[in-house]
Amino acid sequence: MASKMLTGSMMLGGMILGFIMTFLETSTSETDSFAVVAQQLIDSPMQTALSGTVFTISILATLIGTAYLARSMQGENRSGSDIAGLASVLAFLAAAILLVSSGLQNSLLDTSYTERGGDPAVVYAISEGIAHSSFSLIGASILLLGIAIVRQKNLNLILGAFTGLFGLLLLIGGVIPAGDPGLDSTTAIEAVGGILWFIGFLGWFVTTMVIGGFIIKQARST
């Protein structure tokens, strides 16, 4: 089982690194077509490869740290043990799905792919769809983790409650249709879904860093 220091460092450090990489990734627009975005990524191969690889590492570290935390909460006669175990499994599954999505996007940078007739727009669209589906698993994972934290009272009850709440919002936002509320073409249900997803995502980001900080503090005090 991973140490507390490793678990906390992966959760806190992974989120911080992911935040930094959002400013270094290839600039694209959410309103552009998949074909346009795919070409923009291909036109900046070094930047795309570097930012994509580091961002993937940061998210994998965050999710593996989350899984390690959930596994550490398992044990006989421990309240919420089964819930924590399921949270761990879902975090690992989300990490695996994101790894597949990253692999597909990296294939766009391989010139042999297009030379053999591959369609970059199709690959990019599939990778984005796969990545989007992973957030439902992430939402379910942190929802269960938050419930386990509250039941075991091993970190902070308020933090556990907010973790579960943001996980629920991320899960709902990932299941129902979601869209940009600022676009005229977005329906009311899509706007609601988009808002819930954004709040859940932002909450996941903040609570994961706070949990990581709590764990590091506990590790240093023991």
Protein backbone atom coordinates (compact mmCIF):
# COMPACT_ATOMS: atom_id res chain seq x y z
CA MET A 1 0.00 0.00 0.00
CA ALA A 2 1.33 3.46 -0.89
CA SER A 3 2.53 5.71 1.91
CA LYS A 4 0.50 8.73 2.97
CA MET A 5 3.19 11.08 1.67
CA LEU A 6 3.14 9.44 -1.78
CA THR A 7 -0.67 9.43 -1.93
CA GLY A 8 -0.97 13.06 -0.89
CA SER A 9 1.83 14.18 -3.21
CA MET A 10 0.23 12.45 -6.20
CA MET A 11 -3.16 14.07 -5.54
CA LEU A 12 -1.85 17.56 -4.83
CA GLY A 13 1.08 17.55 -7.24
CA GLY A 14 -0.93 15.95 -10.04
CA MET A 15 -3.59 18.64 -9.92
CA ILE A 16 -1.05 21.48 -9.74
CA LEU A 17 0.90 20.07 -12.68
CA GLY A 18 -2.30 19.60 -14.69
CA PHE A 19 -3.28 23.22 -14.01
CA ILE A 20 0.11 24.47 -15.20
CA MET A 21 -0.07 22.42 -18.39
CA THR A 22 -3.40 23.99 -19.40
CA PHE A 23 -1.44 27.18 -20.12
CA LEU A 24 1.18 25.37 -22.19
CA GLU A 25 -1.03 23.17 -24.36
CA THR A 26 -1.71 23.92 -28.02
CA SER A 27 -4.30 26.69 -28.29
CA THR A 28 -7.57 25.45 -29.79
CA SER A 29 -11.19 26.61 -29.81
CA GLU A 30 -14.14 24.54 -28.60
CA THR A 31 -16.24 25.96 -31.44
CA ASP A 32 -13.86 24.73 -34.16
CA SER A 33 -14.57 21.47 -35.95
CA PHE A 34 -12.67 18.31 -35.05
CA ALA A 35 -10.85 18.53 -38.38
CA VAL A 36 -9.60 22.06 -37.64
CA VAL A 37 -8.48 21.21 -34.10
CA ALA A 38 -6.75 18.01 -35.24
CA GLN A 39 -4.82 19.98 -37.86
CA GLN A 40 -3.81 22.59 -35.27
CA LEU A 41 -2.40 19.82 -33.09
CA ILE A 42 -0.53 18.31 -36.04
CA ASP A 43 0.93 21.70 -36.96
CA SER A 44 2.50 22.02 -33.48
CA PRO A 45 3.85 18.48 -32.93
CA MET A 46 6.47 19.25 -30.25
CA GLN A 47 4.16 21.41 -28.15
CA THR A 48 1.29 18.97 -28.55
CA ALA A 49 3.41 15.94 -27.62
CA LEU A 50 5.02 17.61 -24.60
CA SER A 51 1.88 19.18 -23.15
CA GLY A 52 -0.23 16.11 -23.87
CA THR A 53 2.23 13.70 -22.26
CA VAL A 54 2.79 15.79 -19.14
CA PHE A 55 -0.93 16.50 -18.76
CA THR A 56 -1.69 12.78 -19.03
CA ILE A 57 0.92 12.02 -16.38
CA SER A 58 -0.60 14.64 -14.08
CA ILE A 59 -4.12 13.24 -14.39
CA LEU A 60 -2.91 9.66 -14.00
CA ALA A 61 -1.02 10.65 -10.85
CA THR A 62 -4.14 12.33 -9.46
CA LEU A 63 -6.39 9.35 -10.15
CA ILE A 64 -3.88 6.77 -8.91
CA GLY A 65 -3.42 8.82 -5.75
CA THR A 66 -7.20 8.88 -5.35
CA ALA A 67 -7.31 5.11 -5.80
CA TYR A 68 -4.54 4.63 -3.23
CA LEU A 69 -6.44 6.78 -0.72
CA ALA A 70 -9.62 4.79 -1.28
CA ARG A 71 -7.73 1.49 -0.88
CA SER A 72 -6.20 2.69 2.39
CA MET A 73 -9.75 3.16 3.72
CA GLN A 74 -10.63 -0.49 3.20
CA GLY A 75 -10.53 -3.08 5.92
CA GLU A 76 -12.70 -5.39 7.98
CA ASN A 77 -15.09 -3.69 10.37
CA ARG A 78 -14.36 -0.27 8.82
CA SER A 79 -17.44 1.76 7.97
CA GLY A 80 -17.72 2.45 4.25
CA SER A 81 -15.00 -0.05 3.35
CA ASP A 82 -16.92 -1.48 0.38
CA ILE A 83 -17.76 2.01 -0.88
CA ALA A 84 -14.09 3.01 -0.71
CA GLY A 85 -13.13 -0.16 -2.58
CA LEU A 86 -15.53 0.64 -5.40
CA ALA A 87 -14.23 4.22 -5.53
CA SER A 88 -10.73 2.82 -5.99
CA VAL A 89 -11.79 0.56 -8.86
CA LEU A 90 -13.60 3.41 -10.65
CA ALA A 91 -10.58 5.71 -10.29
CA PHE A 92 -8.33 3.08 -11.86
CA LEU A 93 -10.83 2.55 -14.71
CA ALA A 94 -10.99 6.30 -15.38
CA ALA A 95 -7.19 6.42 -15.48
CA ALA A 96 -7.11 3.57 -18.01
CA ILE A 97 -9.70 5.26 -20.23
CA LEU A 98 -7.81 8.56 -20.21
CA LEU A 99 -4.64 6.70 -21.14
CA VAL A 100 -6.40 5.26 -24.21
CA SER A 101 -7.67 8.72 -25.18
CA SER A 102 -4.16 10.17 -24.85
CA GLY A 103 -2.74 7.36 -26.97
CA LEU A 104 -5.21 8.10 -29.75
CA GLN A 105 -4.32 11.79 -29.78
CA ASN A 106 -0.61 10.98 -29.86
CA SER A 107 -1.20 8.86 -32.96
CA LEU A 108 -2.10 12.08 -34.80
CA LEU A 109 1.53 13.13 -34.56
CA ASP A 110 2.72 9.99 -36.35
CA THR A 111 3.07 10.92 -40.03
CA SER A 112 2.70 7.27 -41.06
CA TYR A 113 -0.89 7.35 -39.79
CA THR A 114 -2.06 9.96 -42.29
CA GLU A 115 0.17 8.58 -45.04
CA ARG A 116 -1.67 5.25 -44.75
CA GLY A 117 -5.07 6.94 -45.09
CA GLY A 118 -5.95 7.64 -41.47
CA ASP A 119 -8.42 10.44 -40.80
CA PRO A 120 -7.11 12.77 -38.05
CA ALA A 121 -10.54 14.32 -37.47
CA VAL A 122 -12.11 10.93 -36.78
CA VAL A 123 -9.33 9.91 -34.40
CA TYR A 124 -9.52 13.20 -32.53
CA ALA A 125 -13.31 12.99 -32.25
CA ILE A 126 -13.09 9.45 -30.86
CA SER A 127 -10.38 10.43 -28.37
CA GLU A 128 -12.47 13.36 -27.13
CA GLY A 129 -15.53 11.15 -26.75
CA ILE A 130 -13.54 8.59 -24.77
CA ALA A 131 -12.05 11.30 -22.54
CA HIS A 132 -15.47 12.81 -21.88
CA SER A 133 -16.86 9.43 -20.82
CA SER A 134 -14.12 9.07 -18.21
CA PHE A 135 -15.44 12.02 -16.23
CA SER A 136 -18.59 10.10 -15.35
CA LEU A 137 -16.35 7.47 -13.74
CA ILE A 138 -14.33 10.18 -12.00
CA GLY A 139 -17.54 11.74 -10.69
CA ALA A 140 -18.81 8.40 -9.40
CA SER A 141 -15.41 7.66 -7.83
CA ILE A 142 -15.14 10.89 -5.86
CA LEU A 143 -18.82 10.71 -4.91
CA LEU A 144 -18.18 7.33 -3.28
CA LEU A 145 -14.89 8.55 -1.82
CA GLY A 146 -16.66 11.51 -0.22
CA ILE A 147 -19.27 9.21 1.30
CA ALA A 148 -16.54 6.93 2.66
CA ILE A 149 -14.67 9.90 4.17
CA VAL A 150 -17.84 11.07 5.92
CA ARG A 151 -18.63 7.59 7.24
CA GLN A 152 -15.10 6.93 8.49
CA LYS A 153 -14.45 10.49 9.74
CA ASN A 154 -10.76 10.00 8.93
CA LEU A 155 -10.05 13.35 7.25
CA ASN A 156 -12.62 16.12 7.56
CA LEU A 157 -16.41 15.75 7.55
CA ILE A 158 -17.03 19.01 5.68
CA LEU A 159 -14.34 18.19 3.11
CA GLY A 160 -15.81 14.72 2.65
CA ALA A 161 -19.31 16.17 2.16
CA PHE A 162 -18.11 18.64 -0.47
CA THR A 163 -16.11 15.92 -2.21
CA GLY A 164 -19.22 13.78 -2.49
CA LEU A 165 -21.34 16.74 -3.66
CA PHE A 166 -18.93 17.76 -6.41
CA GLY A 167 -18.61 14.13 -7.46
CA LEU A 168 -22.39 13.94 -7.81
CA LEU A 169 -22.48 17.12 -9.91
CA LEU A 170 -19.67 15.85 -12.15
CA LEU A 171 -21.46 12.53 -12.56
CA ILE A 172 -24.80 14.16 -13.45
CA GLY A 173 -23.08 16.61 -15.79
CA GLY A 174 -21.37 13.74 -17.55
CA VAL A 175 -24.53 11.67 -17.95
CA ILE A 176 -27.03 14.28 -19.18
CA PRO A 177 -26.40 16.30 -22.39
CA ALA A 178 -24.04 19.19 -21.69
CA GLY A 179 -23.23 22.28 -23.72
CA ASP A 180 -21.88 25.81 -23.54
CA PRO A 181 -24.54 28.03 -21.87
CA GLY A 182 -23.19 31.00 -23.84
CA LEU A 183 -24.16 29.58 -27.25
CA ASP A 184 -27.56 30.28 -28.79
CA SER A 185 -27.71 26.71 -30.13
CA THR A 186 -27.46 25.26 -26.60
CA THR A 187 -30.75 23.95 -25.22
CA ALA A 188 -31.89 24.57 -21.64
CA ILE A 189 -31.06 21.03 -20.52
CA GLU A 190 -27.65 21.23 -22.19
CA ALA A 191 -26.96 24.54 -20.44
CA VAL A 192 -27.86 23.02 -17.08
CA GLY A 193 -25.70 19.98 -17.83
CA GLY A 194 -22.80 22.20 -18.82
CA ILE A 195 -23.06 24.28 -15.65
CA LEU A 196 -23.27 21.20 -13.42
CA TRP A 197 -20.29 19.62 -15.17
CA PHE A 198 -18.20 22.77 -14.80
CA ILE A 199 -19.03 23.17 -11.11
CA GLY A 200 -18.33 19.49 -10.50
CA PHE A 201 -15.03 19.64 -12.40
CA LEU A 202 -13.88 22.77 -10.56
CA GLY A 203 -14.93 21.24 -7.24
CA TRP A 204 -13.06 18.02 -8.04
CA PHE A 205 -9.95 20.06 -8.77
CA VAL A 206 -10.11 22.04 -5.52
CA THR A 207 -11.17 19.26 -3.15
CA THR A 208 -8.55 16.86 -4.53
CA MET A 209 -5.80 19.41 -3.84
CA VAL A 210 -7.15 20.04 -0.34
CA ILE A 211 -7.35 16.31 0.40
CA GLY A 212 -3.80 15.88 -0.87
CA GLY A 213 -2.66 18.70 1.41
CA PHE A 214 -4.45 17.13 4.40
CA ILE A 215 -2.78 13.77 3.77
CA ILE A 216 0.68 15.33 3.43
CA LYS A 217 0.11 17.21 6.69
CA GLN A 218 -0.91 13.97 8.43
CA ALA A 219 2.14 12.16 7.05
CA ARG A 220 4.50 14.86 8.34
CA SER A 221 2.93 14.87 11.80
CA THR A 222 3.37 11.12 12.32
